[in-house]
Amino acid sequence: MRTSGTLLGTRSAIHVFAGRRVALALPGALIALGWAIVLAAALTHRAYLLEHHYWLARPGIPAWAPLAVFLASWQGMLLAMMLPASLPALAAIFVAAGRWRPAAAQLVFLFGYAVPWTAFGLVTYLGDASLLALSARWGWLAAHIWVIGLAALLIAALYQLTPAKRHTLLACRTSHVAAREMADVWREGRRHGTACVGAGWALMLIMFGFGMTNLTAMLALTVVMVVEQVTIRPDRMRALIGAALVALALLWSAHAATSVGVAPTATGGAFARTQTLVGGATVTLRVTPARLGVNIFVVTVRDGAGNPVHAASTTLTLDMLDMDMGAQQITLAPLPGSQGSGGGYTGTGALVMPGAWQATVRLETTPGAPAIQAVFRFTVTDARGG
């Protein structure tokens, strides 16, 4: 690697992109990979598998498994969300490396960059697991789980105005490259990552407050972090972002206040509700034991005359309303002995967090006939079901 010493700010590094677009090839591919994983999981209704809460809620899972899932998911988020804001620094590394293994230098930089972000992720994982355990024992927090998202928004908003944010954002916006050895690149990656954690940790808390697989939050925060890097007026932008976060906190509080009482609380070891549809058909959902962890879902369907309805396929989709935990799409099987004609269908799924849940039942009957669909909402308050 050729000897060079450069001090490149964000704007000067952007000029590097125009003349050396190949510098974007490797980081661009990694960013695309991160978003491809997230989108594929969402489109196939498997995003919940990337949520460590899902694995924490399942019995018999080794204690290390949820942490392993979290670390893998966190690296994907690092690629999709944090890497775009560091493209100027990666371009600077590419140029400083010259013609001697510039892509390798970028990889070494990224490994160094990932170390402080992964350390931050571990700390937040432990805090998140502690909050989950607390909500399973403290009924008020379980019934007001949306407060976690509110707190994350307010913390991020207040941090935007602090000297620490100003200092770390400036450090994150500036790349110091002394490309004599790969060890220098590694150290610069760690320094840059540490500065960017200092600038972005509060923003990333929002993901823990609203769900790690929340695509809207992921995209919005990615844009915010990129804008903070490239704007020519970072102090004004910090204040604007802080004001926007306060506004979002107020909107979230208003939404939560108007939603109180919408979802009945599951008590007594089970949840059971019946909906009457147009034409008199009824759909009954029973959830047992209606508490955190794996539950059995039983759906019974009758037509307007009270006869059981045969379904060619039956699915139940679970969504958490207070946080985006990823939609679980469960294929229901006929109840034993019904051979699909008794109108009863069953399957298992996991309620991974206390709070309000929505279960959408959909039955496909005969070809060409409209599907039967019913939506149920219920609240799980703690691990004992009430």
Protein backbone atom coordinates (compact mmCIF):
# COMPACT_ATOMS: atom_id res chain seq x y z
CA MET A 1 0.00 0.00 0.00
CA ARG A 2 1.49 3.34 -0.94
CA THR A 3 2.41 5.82 1.74
CA SER A 4 0.04 8.74 1.99
CA GLY A 5 -1.59 10.92 4.57
CA THR A 6 -4.90 12.60 3.87
CA LEU A 7 -7.53 14.49 5.79
CA LEU A 8 -10.80 14.25 3.91
CA GLY A 9 -14.01 15.88 5.07
CA THR A 10 -17.38 14.70 3.88
CA ARG A 11 -17.74 17.18 1.02
CA SER A 12 -14.26 16.56 -0.37
CA ALA A 13 -14.82 12.80 -0.17
CA ILE A 14 -18.02 13.18 -2.17
CA HIS A 15 -15.94 14.74 -4.98
CA VAL A 16 -13.88 11.55 -4.92
CA PHE A 17 -16.99 9.61 -5.90
CA ALA A 18 -17.35 11.52 -9.16
CA GLY A 19 -13.90 10.56 -10.41
CA ARG A 20 -13.53 7.16 -8.78
CA ARG A 21 -16.96 5.52 -8.99
CA VAL A 22 -15.39 2.10 -8.67
CA ALA A 23 -14.88 3.02 -5.01
CA LEU A 24 -18.62 2.43 -4.56
CA ALA A 25 -18.63 -1.10 -5.98
CA LEU A 26 -17.88 -3.12 -2.84
CA PRO A 27 -19.77 -1.01 -0.27
CA GLY A 28 -22.67 -0.64 -2.71
CA ALA A 29 -22.90 -4.41 -3.08
CA LEU A 30 -22.85 -4.86 0.70
CA ILE A 31 -25.59 -2.27 1.18
CA ALA A 32 -27.70 -3.99 -1.48
CA LEU A 33 -27.12 -7.33 0.27
CA GLY A 34 -28.31 -5.92 3.59
CA TRP A 35 -31.52 -4.53 2.13
CA ALA A 36 -32.10 -7.67 0.05
CA ILE A 37 -32.08 -9.81 3.20
CA VAL A 38 -34.49 -7.49 5.00
CA LEU A 39 -36.88 -7.20 2.03
CA ALA A 40 -36.81 -10.93 1.30
CA ALA A 41 -37.71 -11.69 4.92
CA ALA A 42 -40.57 -9.17 4.84
CA LEU A 43 -41.98 -10.30 1.48
CA THR A 44 -41.96 -13.97 2.49
CA HIS A 45 -43.56 -13.22 5.89
CA ARG A 46 -40.45 -14.54 7.63
CA ALA A 47 -39.16 -11.28 9.14
CA TYR A 48 -40.11 -12.51 12.61
CA LEU A 49 -37.34 -15.12 12.31
CA LEU A 50 -34.84 -12.23 12.37
CA GLU A 51 -36.32 -10.98 15.66
CA HIS A 52 -34.47 -12.18 18.76
CA HIS A 53 -37.74 -11.75 20.73
CA TYR A 54 -39.23 -14.64 18.76
CA TRP A 55 -36.44 -16.97 19.83
CA LEU A 56 -36.48 -15.71 23.41
CA ALA A 57 -40.17 -16.65 23.57
CA ARG A 58 -39.74 -20.22 22.35
CA PRO A 59 -39.15 -22.93 24.97
CA GLY A 60 -36.22 -25.30 24.66
CA ILE A 61 -34.07 -22.86 22.69
CA PRO A 62 -30.44 -22.67 23.92
CA ALA A 63 -29.67 -19.43 25.75
CA TRP A 64 -27.07 -18.45 23.14
CA ALA A 65 -29.42 -18.85 20.16
CA PRO A 66 -31.39 -15.56 20.52
CA LEU A 67 -28.10 -13.68 20.92
CA ALA A 68 -26.69 -15.35 17.81
CA VAL A 69 -29.81 -14.41 15.84
CA PHE A 70 -29.56 -10.84 17.10
CA LEU A 71 -25.88 -10.50 16.18
CA ALA A 72 -26.52 -11.83 12.68
CA SER A 73 -29.50 -9.50 12.21
CA TRP A 74 -27.51 -6.59 13.63
CA GLN A 75 -24.76 -7.06 11.04
CA GLY A 76 -27.43 -6.97 8.33
CA MET A 77 -28.77 -3.72 9.77
CA LEU A 78 -25.21 -2.39 9.90
CA LEU A 79 -24.89 -2.99 6.16
CA ALA A 80 -28.32 -1.65 5.24
CA MET A 81 -28.60 1.34 7.58
CA MET A 82 -25.24 2.53 8.89
CA LEU A 83 -23.00 1.80 5.91
CA PRO A 84 -24.65 4.30 3.50
CA ALA A 85 -23.69 7.19 5.81
CA SER A 86 -20.04 6.02 5.76
CA LEU A 87 -19.64 5.89 1.98
CA PRO A 88 -17.49 9.07 1.97
CA ALA A 89 -15.06 7.49 4.43
CA LEU A 90 -14.91 4.30 2.37
CA ALA A 91 -14.19 6.35 -0.76
CA ALA A 92 -11.34 8.05 1.08
CA ILE A 93 -9.91 4.66 2.07
CA PHE A 94 -10.15 3.46 -1.54
CA VAL A 95 -8.24 6.46 -2.86
CA ALA A 96 -5.59 6.36 -0.13
CA ALA A 97 -4.94 2.69 -0.87
CA GLY A 98 -4.13 3.49 -4.49
CA ARG A 99 -3.85 0.50 -6.78
CA TRP A 100 -2.65 -1.88 -4.09
CA ARG A 101 -5.64 -3.88 -2.84
CA PRO A 102 -8.07 -0.98 -2.28
CA ALA A 103 -11.03 -3.37 -1.89
CA ALA A 104 -9.14 -5.29 0.80
CA ALA A 105 -8.45 -1.99 2.57
CA GLN A 106 -12.18 -1.22 2.51
CA LEU A 107 -12.96 -4.62 4.04
CA VAL A 108 -10.39 -4.12 6.80
CA PHE A 109 -11.88 -0.67 7.47
CA LEU A 110 -15.38 -2.18 7.67
CA PHE A 111 -14.30 -4.87 10.14
CA GLY A 112 -12.83 -2.16 12.35
CA TYR A 113 -15.97 -0.05 11.87
CA ALA A 114 -18.18 -2.96 12.91
CA VAL A 115 -16.42 -3.52 16.27
CA PRO A 116 -17.84 -0.49 18.17
CA TRP A 117 -21.24 -0.88 16.51
CA THR A 118 -21.39 -4.54 17.54
CA ALA A 119 -20.37 -3.63 21.10
CA PHE A 120 -23.20 -1.09 21.18
CA GLY A 121 -25.57 -3.71 19.81
CA LEU A 122 -24.65 -6.11 22.62
CA VAL A 123 -25.34 -3.46 25.25
CA THR A 124 -28.74 -2.65 23.75
CA TYR A 125 -29.55 -6.37 23.42
CA LEU A 126 -29.01 -6.84 27.15
CA GLY A 127 -31.09 -3.75 27.91
CA ASP A 128 -33.85 -4.92 25.59
CA ALA A 129 -33.90 -8.40 27.14
CA SER A 130 -34.11 -6.80 30.59
CA LEU A 131 -37.07 -4.65 29.49
CA LEU A 132 -38.79 -7.75 28.10
CA ALA A 133 -38.33 -9.56 31.40
CA LEU A 134 -39.58 -6.51 33.32
CA SER A 135 -42.67 -6.17 31.12
CA ALA A 136 -43.52 -9.82 31.75
CA ARG A 137 -43.68 -9.10 35.49
CA TRP A 138 -44.89 -5.50 35.64
CA GLY A 139 -48.47 -5.32 34.44
CA TRP A 140 -48.46 -1.55 33.83
CA LEU A 141 -45.50 -1.69 31.43
CA ALA A 142 -46.95 -4.71 29.67
CA ALA A 143 -50.22 -2.83 29.12
CA HIS A 144 -48.35 0.30 27.99
CA ILE A 145 -45.52 -1.24 25.97
CA TRP A 146 -45.78 1.68 23.54
CA VAL A 147 -44.04 3.80 26.20
CA ILE A 148 -40.74 2.19 25.15
CA GLY A 149 -41.09 3.67 21.67
CA LEU A 150 -42.05 7.03 23.13
CA ALA A 151 -38.99 7.04 25.40
CA ALA A 152 -36.72 6.15 22.47
CA LEU A 153 -38.07 9.06 20.40
CA LEU A 154 -37.64 11.55 23.25
CA ILE A 155 -34.11 10.36 24.09
CA ALA A 156 -33.10 10.68 20.43
CA ALA A 157 -34.69 14.13 20.17
CA LEU A 158 -32.93 15.47 23.28
CA TYR A 159 -29.56 13.99 22.29
CA GLN A 160 -29.71 15.83 18.96
CA LEU A 161 -29.19 19.11 20.86
CA THR A 162 -26.27 18.05 23.07
CA PRO A 163 -22.59 19.00 22.65
CA ALA A 164 -21.76 15.28 22.58
CA LYS A 165 -23.89 14.84 19.46
CA ARG A 166 -22.24 17.84 17.80
CA HIS A 167 -18.73 16.63 18.60
CA THR A 168 -19.24 12.99 17.58
CA LEU A 169 -21.11 13.93 14.41
CA LEU A 170 -18.20 16.15 13.36
CA ALA A 171 -15.78 13.30 14.06
CA CYS A 172 -17.97 10.87 12.11
CA ARG A 173 -18.14 13.28 9.15
CA THR A 174 -14.35 13.50 8.91
CA SER A 175 -12.05 10.71 7.72
CA HIS A 176 -8.40 10.65 8.84
CA VAL A 177 -6.53 8.22 6.60
CA ALA A 178 -2.86 7.35 7.02
CA ALA A 179 -2.66 4.43 4.61
CA ARG A 180 0.80 3.10 5.39
CA GLU A 181 -0.32 -0.31 6.66
CA MET A 182 -3.51 -2.30 6.94
CA ALA A 183 -3.22 -1.80 10.71
CA ASP A 184 -3.68 1.93 10.11
CA VAL A 185 -6.83 1.23 8.14
CA TRP A 186 -8.10 -1.05 10.92
CA ARG A 187 -7.51 1.64 13.53
CA GLU A 188 -9.22 4.26 11.39
CA GLY A 189 -12.19 1.93 10.96
CA ARG A 190 -12.49 1.57 14.73
CA ARG A 191 -12.09 5.33 15.26
CA HIS A 192 -14.68 6.13 12.61
CA GLY A 193 -17.07 3.48 13.98
CA THR A 194 -16.71 4.79 17.52
CA ALA A 195 -17.43 8.35 16.37
CA CYS A 196 -20.47 7.22 14.39
CA VAL A 197 -21.80 5.22 17.35
CA GLY A 198 -21.47 8.39 19.40
CA ALA A 199 -23.45 10.29 16.77
CA GLY A 200 -26.07 7.65 16.01
CA TRP A 201 -26.67 5.52 19.12
CA ALA A 202 -29.77 7.44 20.19
CA LEU A 203 -31.28 7.21 16.71
CA MET A 204 -30.71 3.46 16.68
CA LEU A 205 -32.58 3.10 19.98
CA ILE A 206 -35.70 3.94 17.97
CA MET A 207 -35.37 0.59 16.20
CA PHE A 208 -35.57 -1.17 19.57
CA GLY A 209 -38.62 0.90 20.49
CA PHE A 210 -40.56 0.21 17.29
CA GLY A 211 -39.28 -3.18 16.19
CA MET A 212 -36.04 -4.33 14.60
CA THR A 213 -37.80 -5.37 11.39
CA ASN A 214 -39.82 -2.15 10.96
CA LEU A 215 -39.05 -1.27 7.33
CA THR A 216 -40.45 2.26 7.61
CA ALA A 217 -38.24 3.05 10.60
CA MET A 218 -35.22 1.46 8.93
CA LEU A 219 -35.59 3.51 5.76
CA ALA A 220 -36.34 6.76 7.61
CA LEU A 221 -33.35 6.41 9.95
CA THR A 222 -31.06 5.51 7.07
CA VAL A 223 -32.07 8.71 5.28
CA VAL A 224 -31.62 10.76 8.49
CA MET A 225 -28.09 9.44 9.09
CA VAL A 226 -27.07 10.02 5.47
CA VAL A 227 -28.46 13.57 5.52
CA GLU A 228 -26.54 14.32 8.72
CA GLN A 229 -23.36 13.25 6.93
CA VAL A 230 -23.74 15.21 3.70
CA THR A 231 -25.53 18.40 4.75
CA ILE A 232 -23.49 21.60 4.62
CA ARG A 233 -25.27 22.86 7.77
CA PRO A 234 -25.08 20.00 10.26
CA ASP A 235 -26.02 22.10 13.31
CA ARG A 236 -29.24 23.31 11.72
CA MET A 237 -30.03 19.80 10.50
CA ARG A 238 -29.50 18.37 14.00
CA ALA A 239 -32.05 20.81 15.38
CA LEU A 240 -34.55 20.08 12.61
CA ILE A 241 -34.25 16.34 13.16
CA GLY A 242 -34.69 16.84 16.90
CA ALA A 243 -37.87 18.86 16.31
CA ALA A 244 -39.19 16.19 13.94
CA LEU A 245 -38.57 13.50 16.56
CA VAL A 246 -40.48 15.51 19.18
CA ALA A 247 -43.39 15.82 16.74
CA LEU A 248 -43.31 12.07 16.12
CA ALA A 249 -43.31 11.45 19.88
CA LEU A 250 -46.43 13.59 20.26
CA LEU A 251 -48.15 11.78 17.39
CA TRP A 252 -47.19 8.39 18.84
CA SER A 253 -48.59 9.41 22.25
CA ALA A 254 -51.85 10.57 20.66
CA HIS A 255 -52.14 7.33 18.69
CA ALA A 256 -51.55 5.24 21.82
CA ALA A 257 -54.06 7.28 23.83
CA THR A 258 -56.80 6.81 21.23
CA SER A 259 -56.06 3.08 20.96
CA VAL A 260 -56.54 2.33 24.66
CA GLY A 261 -59.26 -0.27 25.16
CA VAL A 262 -59.40 -1.29 21.48
CA ALA A 263 -57.87 -4.70 22.14
CA PRO A 264 -59.48 -6.70 25.00
CA THR A 265 -57.11 -8.26 27.52
CA ALA A 266 -56.57 -12.00 27.36
CA THR A 267 -57.24 -13.42 30.83
CA GLY A 268 -58.05 -16.71 32.48
CA GLY A 269 -55.50 -18.73 30.50
CA ALA A 270 -57.27 -18.30 27.15
CA PHE A 271 -58.69 -15.75 24.73
CA ALA A 272 -61.89 -16.52 22.82
CA ARG A 273 -63.94 -14.25 20.57
CA THR A 274 -66.55 -14.78 17.87
CA GLN A 275 -67.18 -12.48 14.92
CA THR A 276 -70.35 -12.49 12.84
CA LEU A 277 -69.73 -11.65 9.19
CA VAL A 278 -72.03 -10.39 6.47
CA GLY A 279 -74.50 -13.16 5.64
CA GLY A 280 -74.50 -14.56 9.14
CA ALA A 281 -71.34 -16.67 8.97
CA THR A 282 -69.36 -16.79 12.22
CA VAL A 283 -65.62 -17.10 12.87
CA THR A 284 -64.43 -18.00 16.36
CA LEU A 285 -60.81 -17.66 17.48
CA ARG A 286 -59.50 -19.30 20.63
CA VAL A 287 -55.93 -18.67 21.81
CA THR A 288 -54.48 -20.93 24.51
CA PRO A 289 -52.88 -20.15 26.92
CA ALA A 290 -52.88 -16.52 25.66
CA ARG A 291 -49.57 -15.66 27.28
CA LEU A 292 -46.00 -15.01 26.20
CA GLY A 293 -44.42 -17.88 24.34
CA VAL A 294 -45.88 -20.55 22.07
CA ASN A 295 -49.69 -20.60 21.85
CA ILE A 296 -52.27 -22.84 20.19
CA PHE A 297 -54.70 -21.07 17.86
CA VAL A 298 -58.02 -22.76 17.08
CA VAL A 299 -60.38 -21.29 14.46
CA THR A 300 -63.97 -22.49 14.06
CA VAL A 301 -66.06 -21.36 11.07
CA ARG A 302 -69.81 -21.77 10.54
CA ASP A 303 -72.01 -20.54 7.73
CA GLY A 304 -75.22 -18.58 8.23
CA ALA A 305 -77.16 -21.81 8.83
CA GLY A 306 -74.73 -23.01 11.49
CA ASN A 307 -73.07 -25.63 9.29
CA PRO A 308 -69.28 -26.13 9.41
CA VAL A 309 -67.38 -24.48 6.56
CA HIS A 310 -64.83 -26.51 4.63
CA ALA A 311 -61.72 -24.54 3.65
CA ALA A 312 -59.19 -25.47 0.99
CA SER A 313 -56.58 -23.44 2.89
CA THR A 314 -56.62 -21.53 6.15
CA THR A 315 -54.00 -19.07 7.39
CA LEU A 316 -53.65 -16.95 10.51
CA THR A 317 -51.35 -13.91 10.43
CA LEU A 318 -50.05 -12.51 13.73
CA ASP A 319 -49.00 -8.87 13.98
CA MET A 320 -47.99 -6.93 17.06
CA LEU A 321 -49.63 -3.49 17.05
CA ASP A 322 -47.31 -1.71 19.51
CA MET A 323 -44.06 -2.80 17.85
CA ASP A 324 -43.20 -4.32 14.49
CA MET A 325 -42.11 -7.85 15.36
CA GLY A 326 -42.55 -9.13 11.81
CA ALA A 327 -45.78 -10.76 10.65
CA GLN A 328 -46.05 -14.47 11.49
CA GLN A 329 -48.07 -16.29 8.86
CA ILE A 330 -49.29 -19.59 10.29
CA THR A 331 -50.84 -22.28 8.10
CA LEU A 332 -53.71 -23.89 10.02
CA ALA A 333 -54.48 -27.59 9.71
CA PRO A 334 -57.88 -29.28 10.18
CA LEU A 335 -58.62 -30.26 13.74
CA PRO A 336 -57.94 -33.95 14.35
CA GLY A 337 -60.91 -36.02 13.23
CA SER A 338 -62.52 -33.28 11.14
CA GLN A 339 -60.80 -34.18 7.83
CA GLY A 340 -61.17 -30.53 6.84
CA SER A 341 -64.97 -30.63 6.82
CA GLY A 342 -65.71 -29.93 10.46
CA GLY A 343 -65.06 -26.20 10.28
CA GLY A 344 -62.25 -26.39 12.84
CA TYR A 345 -58.60 -25.52 12.15
CA THR A 346 -55.56 -25.26 14.40
CA GLY A 347 -51.91 -24.20 14.44
CA THR A 348 -49.19 -22.85 16.75
CA GLY A 349 -47.49 -19.47 16.88
CA ALA A 350 -45.50 -17.34 19.30
CA LEU A 351 -46.59 -14.21 21.17
CA VAL A 352 -43.15 -12.71 21.67
CA MET A 353 -43.93 -9.46 23.54
CA PRO A 354 -46.59 -8.18 25.93
CA GLY A 355 -48.95 -5.68 24.34
CA ALA A 356 -51.68 -5.47 21.72
CA TRP A 357 -51.78 -8.15 19.01
CA GLN A 358 -53.83 -8.62 15.86
CA ALA A 359 -54.73 -12.02 14.42
CA THR A 360 -56.08 -12.07 10.85
CA VAL A 361 -57.84 -15.29 9.87
CA ARG A 362 -58.25 -16.00 6.15
CA LEU A 363 -60.04 -19.01 4.66
CA GLU A 364 -60.05 -19.95 0.98
CA THR A 365 -63.11 -22.07 0.27
CA THR A 366 -64.01 -22.96 -3.32
CA PRO A 367 -62.26 -21.65 -6.46
CA GLY A 368 -63.72 -18.31 -7.51
CA ALA A 369 -65.52 -17.74 -4.22
CA PRO A 370 -64.47 -14.76 -2.09
CA ALA A 371 -62.22 -15.57 0.83
CA ILE A 372 -63.60 -15.46 4.36
CA GLN A 373 -61.59 -13.07 6.54
CA ALA A 374 -61.91 -11.97 10.16
CA VAL A 375 -59.64 -9.75 12.27
CA PHE A 376 -59.25 -10.21 16.02
CA ARG A 377 -57.38 -7.99 18.47
CA PHE A 378 -56.32 -8.90 21.98
CA THR A 379 -53.80 -7.74 24.60
CA VAL A 380 -51.35 -9.97 26.42
CA THR A 381 -50.26 -8.29 29.64
CA ASP A 382 -47.77 -10.69 31.20
CA ALA A 383 -46.39 -14.22 31.20
CA ARG A 384 -49.29 -15.45 33.31
CA GLY A 385 -51.91 -14.36 30.78
CA GLY A 386 -53.47 -11.49 32.72
